[in-house]
Amino acid sequence: MIDKIGWNTFGDYIWQGTWLTLPLYPWFNDKTKQIYNRNIFRSMQDFEVTFKELEKILNSYVKWRNESFGRHCDNNECYLVRENKRFAFLIDCGDYSHPKCKLKNTFHIWDDFSQSLGTFVIDPELPPTDAFIEWIENITKEYCDGDIQCSGCGKQIKQKEIAGRYFSGIYCKECWENKYKEIEAKETYE
């Protein structure tokens, strides 16, 4: 059935559920909690796959998906998965056109609710470093365990200790009361 815009509603339904998931640990057994293979970024390191190459693969998937279902959405719907939790991420290899863009050469990660969990500076021309692998393992494990970093000061807090949210940021009581509560109150969201 074709709707008023000309989209096939069946294709639209399929497209909305078309996610690409990369398991952080590809062979993880929920029953034994045993990891049968190392972190996927460690495998990238072993095979000398760079962040730029991974970004290219992900962009190819998004292009295929959009062309296959006749959509043109910037949201890539690519996720890392760990212990049944999804983590949205963005690999920026410096391709943004604005010269003052602060996202260049970074890896960003968000939780299931689009709350920022952190950012790591990367070299797009190299495979993941040991420091990056340790960071991604820690930040995803902490989230799976119920710990989150305050977007303001970086302090570890529990979900129930989140005092406020501003866009994708999550804040502890001190940061919220001392700065972000006032900023959010002035926001018009226009």
C-alpha atoms as a PDB file:
ATOM      1  CA  MET A   1       0.000   0.000   0.000  1.00  0.00           C
ATOM      2  CA  ILE A   2       1.384   3.406  -1.026  1.00  0.00           C
ATOM      3  CA  ASP A   3       0.671   6.401   1.219  1.00  0.00           C
ATOM      4  CA  LYS A   4       0.149  10.078   0.199  1.00  0.00           C
ATOM      5  CA  ILE A   5       3.902  10.777   0.081  1.00  0.00           C
ATOM      6  CA  GLY A   6       4.468   7.747  -2.119  1.00  0.00           C
ATOM      7  CA  TRP A   7       6.148   5.597   0.507  1.00  0.00           C
ATOM      8  CA  ASN A   8       5.272   1.977   0.822  1.00  0.00           C
ATOM      9  CA  THR A   9       3.923   1.598   4.381  1.00  0.00           C
ATOM     10  CA  PHE A  10       5.204  -1.970   4.588  1.00  0.00           C
ATOM     11  CA  GLY A  11       8.679  -0.734   3.555  1.00  0.00           C
ATOM     12  CA  ASP A  12       8.387   2.059   6.115  1.00  0.00           C
ATOM     13  CA  TYR A  13       7.589  -0.440   8.862  1.00  0.00           C
ATOM     14  CA  ILE A  14      10.594  -2.584   7.911  1.00  0.00           C
ATOM     15  CA  TRP A  15      12.892   0.461   7.579  1.00  0.00           C
ATOM     16  CA  GLN A  16      12.036   1.690  11.084  1.00  0.00           C
ATOM     17  CA  GLY A  17      13.279  -1.575  12.561  1.00  0.00           C
ATOM     18  CA  THR A  18      16.416  -1.780  10.450  1.00  0.00           C
ATOM     19  CA  TRP A  19      19.267  -1.458  12.897  1.00  0.00           C
ATOM     20  CA  LEU A  20      22.836  -2.517  12.514  1.00  0.00           C
ATOM     21  CA  THR A  21      24.201  -3.885  15.775  1.00  0.00           C
ATOM     22  CA  LEU A  22      27.823  -4.593  16.549  1.00  0.00           C
ATOM     23  CA  PRO A  23      28.214  -6.776  19.612  1.00  0.00           C
ATOM     24  CA  LEU A  24      30.897  -5.323  21.851  1.00  0.00           C
ATOM     25  CA  TYR A  25      31.725  -8.922  22.714  1.00  0.00           C
ATOM     26  CA  PRO A  26      30.655 -11.029  19.726  1.00  0.00           C
ATOM     27  CA  TRP A  27      30.539 -14.380  21.524  1.00  0.00           C
ATOM     28  CA  PHE A  28      29.006 -13.614  24.889  1.00  0.00           C
ATOM     29  CA  ASN A  29      27.073 -16.341  26.660  1.00  0.00           C
ATOM     30  CA  ASP A  30      24.296 -14.962  28.905  1.00  0.00           C
ATOM     31  CA  LYS A  31      24.038 -18.218  30.825  1.00  0.00           C
ATOM     32  CA  THR A  32      27.675 -18.478  31.888  1.00  0.00           C
ATOM     33  CA  LYS A  33      28.546 -14.772  31.536  1.00  0.00           C
ATOM     34  CA  GLN A  34      31.704 -15.973  29.850  1.00  0.00           C
ATOM     35  CA  ILE A  35      33.311 -13.993  27.075  1.00  0.00           C
ATOM     36  CA  TYR A  36      34.356 -16.273  24.250  1.00  0.00           C
ATOM     37  CA  ASN A  37      36.074 -13.612  22.237  1.00  0.00           C
ATOM     38  CA  ARG A  38      37.700 -10.306  22.929  1.00  0.00           C
ATOM     39  CA  ASN A  39      36.209  -6.863  22.535  1.00  0.00           C
ATOM     40  CA  ILE A  40      35.347  -6.114  18.881  1.00  0.00           C
ATOM     41  CA  PHE A  41      37.670  -3.084  18.968  1.00  0.00           C
ATOM     42  CA  ARG A  42      40.514  -5.380  20.076  1.00  0.00           C
ATOM     43  CA  SER A  43      39.775  -7.456  16.960  1.00  0.00           C
ATOM     44  CA  MET A  44      39.945  -4.264  14.880  1.00  0.00           C
ATOM     45  CA  GLN A  45      43.352  -3.692  16.440  1.00  0.00           C
ATOM     46  CA  ASP A  46      44.503  -7.250  15.584  1.00  0.00           C
ATOM     47  CA  PHE A  47      43.434  -6.928  11.946  1.00  0.00           C
ATOM     48  CA  GLU A  48      44.590  -3.286  11.667  1.00  0.00           C
ATOM     49  CA  VAL A  49      41.135  -1.968  10.804  1.00  0.00           C
ATOM     50  CA  THR A  50      41.090   1.803  11.287  1.00  0.00           C
ATOM     51  CA  PHE A  51      38.260   3.963  12.611  1.00  0.00           C
ATOM     52  CA  LYS A  52      38.000   5.512   9.145  1.00  0.00           C
ATOM     53  CA  GLU A  53      37.441   2.055   7.625  1.00  0.00           C
ATOM     54  CA  LEU A  54      34.772   1.233  10.215  1.00  0.00           C
ATOM     55  CA  GLU A  55      33.070   4.575   9.551  1.00  0.00           C
ATOM     56  CA  LYS A  56      33.092   3.821   5.807  1.00  0.00           C
ATOM     57  CA  ILE A  57      31.494   0.397   6.396  1.00  0.00           C
ATOM     58  CA  LEU A  58      28.775   1.915   8.593  1.00  0.00           C
ATOM     59  CA  ASN A  59      28.080   4.703   6.074  1.00  0.00           C
ATOM     60  CA  SER A  60      27.793   2.086   3.290  1.00  0.00           C
ATOM     61  CA  TYR A  61      25.200   0.238   5.346  1.00  0.00           C
ATOM     62  CA  VAL A  62      23.174   3.430   5.947  1.00  0.00           C
ATOM     63  CA  LYS A  63      23.313   4.312   2.238  1.00  0.00           C
ATOM     64  CA  TRP A  64      22.137   0.811   1.285  1.00  0.00           C
ATOM     65  CA  ARG A  65      19.354   0.881   3.871  1.00  0.00           C
ATOM     66  CA  ASN A  66      18.076   4.306   2.796  1.00  0.00           C
ATOM     67  CA  GLU A  67      18.190   3.441  -0.909  1.00  0.00           C
ATOM     68  CA  SER A  68      16.565   0.041  -0.348  1.00  0.00           C
ATOM     69  CA  PHE A  69      13.633   1.493   1.575  1.00  0.00           C
ATOM     70  CA  GLY A  70      13.415   4.862  -0.189  1.00  0.00           C
ATOM     71  CA  ARG A  71      14.230   6.945   2.881  1.00  0.00           C
ATOM     72  CA  HIS A  72      16.795   9.651   3.458  1.00  0.00           C
ATOM     73  CA  CYS A  73      17.430   9.821   7.167  1.00  0.00           C
ATOM     74  CA  ASP A  74      20.713  11.000   8.683  1.00  0.00           C
ATOM     75  CA  ASN A  75      20.194   8.871  11.781  1.00  0.00           C
ATOM     76  CA  ASN A  76      22.363   5.845  11.154  1.00  0.00           C
ATOM     77  CA  GLU A  77      20.720   3.427  13.641  1.00  0.00           C
ATOM     78  CA  CYS A  78      24.022   1.625  14.245  1.00  0.00           C
ATOM     79  CA  TYR A  79      24.542   0.359  17.787  1.00  0.00           C
ATOM     80  CA  LEU A  80      27.010  -1.411  19.986  1.00  0.00           C
ATOM     81  CA  VAL A  81      25.394  -4.092  22.134  1.00  0.00           C
ATOM     82  CA  ARG A  82      26.565  -5.335  25.524  1.00  0.00           C
ATOM     83  CA  GLU A  83      24.541  -7.453  27.928  1.00  0.00           C
ATOM     84  CA  ASN A  84      21.312  -6.677  26.027  1.00  0.00           C
ATOM     85  CA  LYS A  85      21.902  -2.908  26.261  1.00  0.00           C
ATOM     86  CA  ARG A  86      22.152  -0.781  23.121  1.00  0.00           C
ATOM     87  CA  PHE A  87      24.693   2.011  22.769  1.00  0.00           C
ATOM     88  CA  ALA A  88      24.360   4.516  19.934  1.00  0.00           C
ATOM     89  CA  PHE A  89      27.678   5.844  18.717  1.00  0.00           C
ATOM     90  CA  LEU A  90      29.188   8.254  16.231  1.00  0.00           C
ATOM     91  CA  ILE A  91      32.627   7.974  14.715  1.00  0.00           C
ATOM     92  CA  ASP A  92      33.758  11.341  13.406  1.00  0.00           C
ATOM     93  CA  CYS A  93      36.813  11.176  11.200  1.00  0.00           C
ATOM     94  CA  GLY A  94      37.019  14.940  10.684  1.00  0.00           C
ATOM     95  CA  ASP A  95      34.602  15.054   7.765  1.00  0.00           C
ATOM     96  CA  TYR A  96      32.335  17.784   9.128  1.00  0.00           C
ATOM     97  CA  SER A  97      32.507  20.931   7.010  1.00  0.00           C
ATOM     98  CA  HIS A  98      32.367  23.607   9.719  1.00  0.00           C
ATOM     99  CA  PRO A  99      35.940  24.593  10.716  1.00  0.00           C
ATOM    100  CA  LYS A 100      34.971  25.258  14.359  1.00  0.00           C
ATOM    101  CA  CYS A 101      33.212  21.922  14.807  1.00  0.00           C
ATOM    102  CA  LYS A 102      34.401  20.316  18.052  1.00  0.00           C
ATOM    103  CA  LEU A 103      33.416  16.805  16.965  1.00  0.00           C
ATOM    104  CA  LYS A 104      36.420  16.184  14.711  1.00  0.00           C
ATOM    105  CA  ASN A 105      38.333  12.949  15.248  1.00  0.00           C
ATOM    106  CA  THR A 106      36.168  11.713  18.087  1.00  0.00           C
ATOM    107  CA  PHE A 107      34.118   8.700  19.090  1.00  0.00           C
ATOM    108  CA  HIS A 108      30.841   9.568  20.871  1.00  0.00           C
ATOM    109  CA  ILE A 109      28.647   7.098  22.750  1.00  0.00           C
ATOM    110  CA  TRP A 110      25.074   7.396  24.056  1.00  0.00           C
ATOM    111  CA  ASP A 111      22.832   5.077  26.071  1.00  0.00           C
ATOM    112  CA  ASP A 112      19.373   3.706  25.177  1.00  0.00           C
ATOM    113  CA  PHE A 113      17.787   7.037  26.101  1.00  0.00           C
ATOM    114  CA  SER A 114      20.123   9.212  23.974  1.00  0.00           C
ATOM    115  CA  GLN A 115      22.007  10.409  27.033  1.00  0.00           C
ATOM    116  CA  SER A 116      25.661  11.086  26.370  1.00  0.00           C
ATOM    117  CA  LEU A 117      27.988   8.641  28.098  1.00  0.00           C
ATOM    118  CA  GLY A 118      31.187  10.187  26.833  1.00  0.00           C
ATOM    119  CA  THR A 119      33.546  11.188  24.058  1.00  0.00           C
ATOM    120  CA  PHE A 120      37.018   9.909  23.219  1.00  0.00           C
ATOM    121  CA  VAL A 121      39.528  11.584  20.881  1.00  0.00           C
ATOM    122  CA  ILE A 122      40.669   9.126  18.191  1.00  0.00           C
ATOM    123  CA  ASP A 123      43.105   9.034  15.307  1.00  0.00           C
ATOM    124  CA  PRO A 124      40.898   8.019  12.350  1.00  0.00           C
ATOM    125  CA  GLU A 125      43.866   6.661  10.414  1.00  0.00           C
ATOM    126  CA  LEU A 126      44.769   4.127  13.122  1.00  0.00           C
ATOM    127  CA  PRO A 127      43.076   1.106  14.697  1.00  0.00           C
ATOM    128  CA  PRO A 128      41.680   1.548  18.233  1.00  0.00           C
ATOM    129  CA  THR A 129      44.322   2.092  20.907  1.00  0.00           C
ATOM    130  CA  ASP A 130      44.565   0.190  24.181  1.00  0.00           C
ATOM    131  CA  ALA A 131      43.408   3.361  25.968  1.00  0.00           C
ATOM    132  CA  PHE A 132      40.290   3.547  23.768  1.00  0.00           C
ATOM    133  CA  ILE A 133      39.491  -0.142  24.318  1.00  0.00           C
ATOM    134  CA  GLU A 134      39.829   0.267  28.081  1.00  0.00           C
ATOM    135  CA  TRP A 135      37.604   3.373  27.965  1.00  0.00           C
ATOM    136  CA  ILE A 136      34.846   1.692  25.911  1.00  0.00           C
ATOM    137  CA  GLU A 137      34.928  -1.419  28.096  1.00  0.00           C
ATOM    138  CA  ASN A 138      34.709   0.645  31.289  1.00  0.00           C
ATOM    139  CA  ILE A 139      32.011   3.057  30.141  1.00  0.00           C
ATOM    140  CA  THR A 140      29.724   0.298  28.830  1.00  0.00           C
ATOM    141  CA  LYS A 141      30.298  -1.939  31.875  1.00  0.00           C
ATOM    142  CA  GLU A 142      29.558   0.944  34.246  1.00  0.00           C
ATOM    143  CA  TYR A 143      26.324   1.662  32.385  1.00  0.00           C
ATOM    144  CA  CYS A 144      25.308  -2.018  32.450  1.00  0.00           C
ATOM    145  CA  ASP A 145      26.009  -1.971  36.208  1.00  0.00           C
ATOM    146  CA  GLY A 146      23.810   1.139  36.644  1.00  0.00           C
ATOM    147  CA  ASP A 147      26.602   3.726  36.902  1.00  0.00           C
ATOM    148  CA  ILE A 148      26.675   6.844  34.730  1.00  0.00           C
ATOM    149  CA  GLN A 149      29.139   9.718  34.428  1.00  0.00           C
ATOM    150  CA  CYS A 150      27.908  13.242  35.046  1.00  0.00           C
ATOM    151  CA  SER A 151      28.216  15.180  31.774  1.00  0.00           C
ATOM    152  CA  GLY A 152      29.421  18.216  33.709  1.00  0.00           C
ATOM    153  CA  CYS A 153      32.121  16.978  36.082  1.00  0.00           C
ATOM    154  CA  GLY A 154      32.547  13.338  35.036  1.00  0.00           C
ATOM    155  CA  LYS A 155      31.723  11.980  38.502  1.00  0.00           C
ATOM    156  CA  GLN A 156      30.178   8.494  38.702  1.00  0.00           C
ATOM    157  CA  ILE A 157      26.525   8.578  39.740  1.00  0.00           C
ATOM    158  CA  LYS A 158      23.709   6.034  39.846  1.00  0.00           C
ATOM    159  CA  GLN A 159      20.571   6.399  37.704  1.00  0.00           C
ATOM    160  CA  LYS A 160      18.555   7.501  40.746  1.00  0.00           C
ATOM    161  CA  GLU A 161      21.105  10.270  41.478  1.00  0.00           C
ATOM    162  CA  ILE A 162      20.523  12.086  38.175  1.00  0.00           C
ATOM    163  CA  ALA A 163      19.387  15.558  39.201  1.00  0.00           C
ATOM    164  CA  GLY A 164      18.644  16.914  35.748  1.00  0.00           C
ATOM    165  CA  ARG A 165      18.982  16.535  32.016  1.00  0.00           C
ATOM    166  CA  TYR A 166      19.810  19.045  29.326  1.00  0.00           C
ATOM    167  CA  PHE A 167      19.719  17.774  25.744  1.00  0.00           C
ATOM    168  CA  SER A 168      21.807  14.570  25.828  1.00  0.00           C
ATOM    169  CA  GLY A 169      23.615  15.577  29.030  1.00  0.00           C
ATOM    170  CA  ILE A 170      22.901  14.040  32.430  1.00  0.00           C
ATOM    171  CA  TYR A 171      23.982  15.837  35.590  1.00  0.00           C
ATOM    172  CA  CYS A 172      24.718  15.176  39.247  1.00  0.00           C
ATOM    173  CA  LYS A 173      23.043  17.377  41.856  1.00  0.00           C
ATOM    174  CA  GLU A 174      26.008  19.756  42.208  1.00  0.00           C
ATOM    175  CA  CYS A 175      26.410  20.420  38.475  1.00  0.00           C
ATOM    176  CA  TRP A 176      22.649  20.693  37.949  1.00  0.00           C
ATOM    177  CA  GLU A 177      22.074  23.131  40.804  1.00  0.00           C
ATOM    178  CA  ASN A 178      25.208  25.218  40.162  1.00  0.00           C
ATOM    179  CA  LYS A 179      24.963  25.597  36.399  1.00  0.00           C
ATOM    180  CA  TYR A 180      22.729  23.486  34.149  1.00  0.00           C
ATOM    181  CA  LYS A 181      19.369  24.005  35.847  1.00  0.00           C
ATOM    182  CA  GLU A 182      19.532  27.722  35.034  1.00  0.00           C
ATOM    183  CA  ILE A 183      20.722  27.079  31.453  1.00  0.00           C
ATOM    184  CA  GLU A 184      17.910  24.577  30.834  1.00  0.00           C
ATOM    185  CA  ALA A 185      15.312  26.956  32.314  1.00  0.00           C
ATOM    186  CA  LYS A 186      16.258  29.602  29.732  1.00  0.00           C
ATOM    187  CA  GLU A 187      16.091  27.142  26.810  1.00  0.00           C
ATOM    188  CA  THR A 188      13.283  27.738  24.313  1.00  0.00           C
ATOM    189  CA  TYR A 189      13.818  24.523  22.306  1.00  0.00           C
ATOM    190  CA  GLU A 190      13.078  26.361  19.084  1.00  0.00           C
END
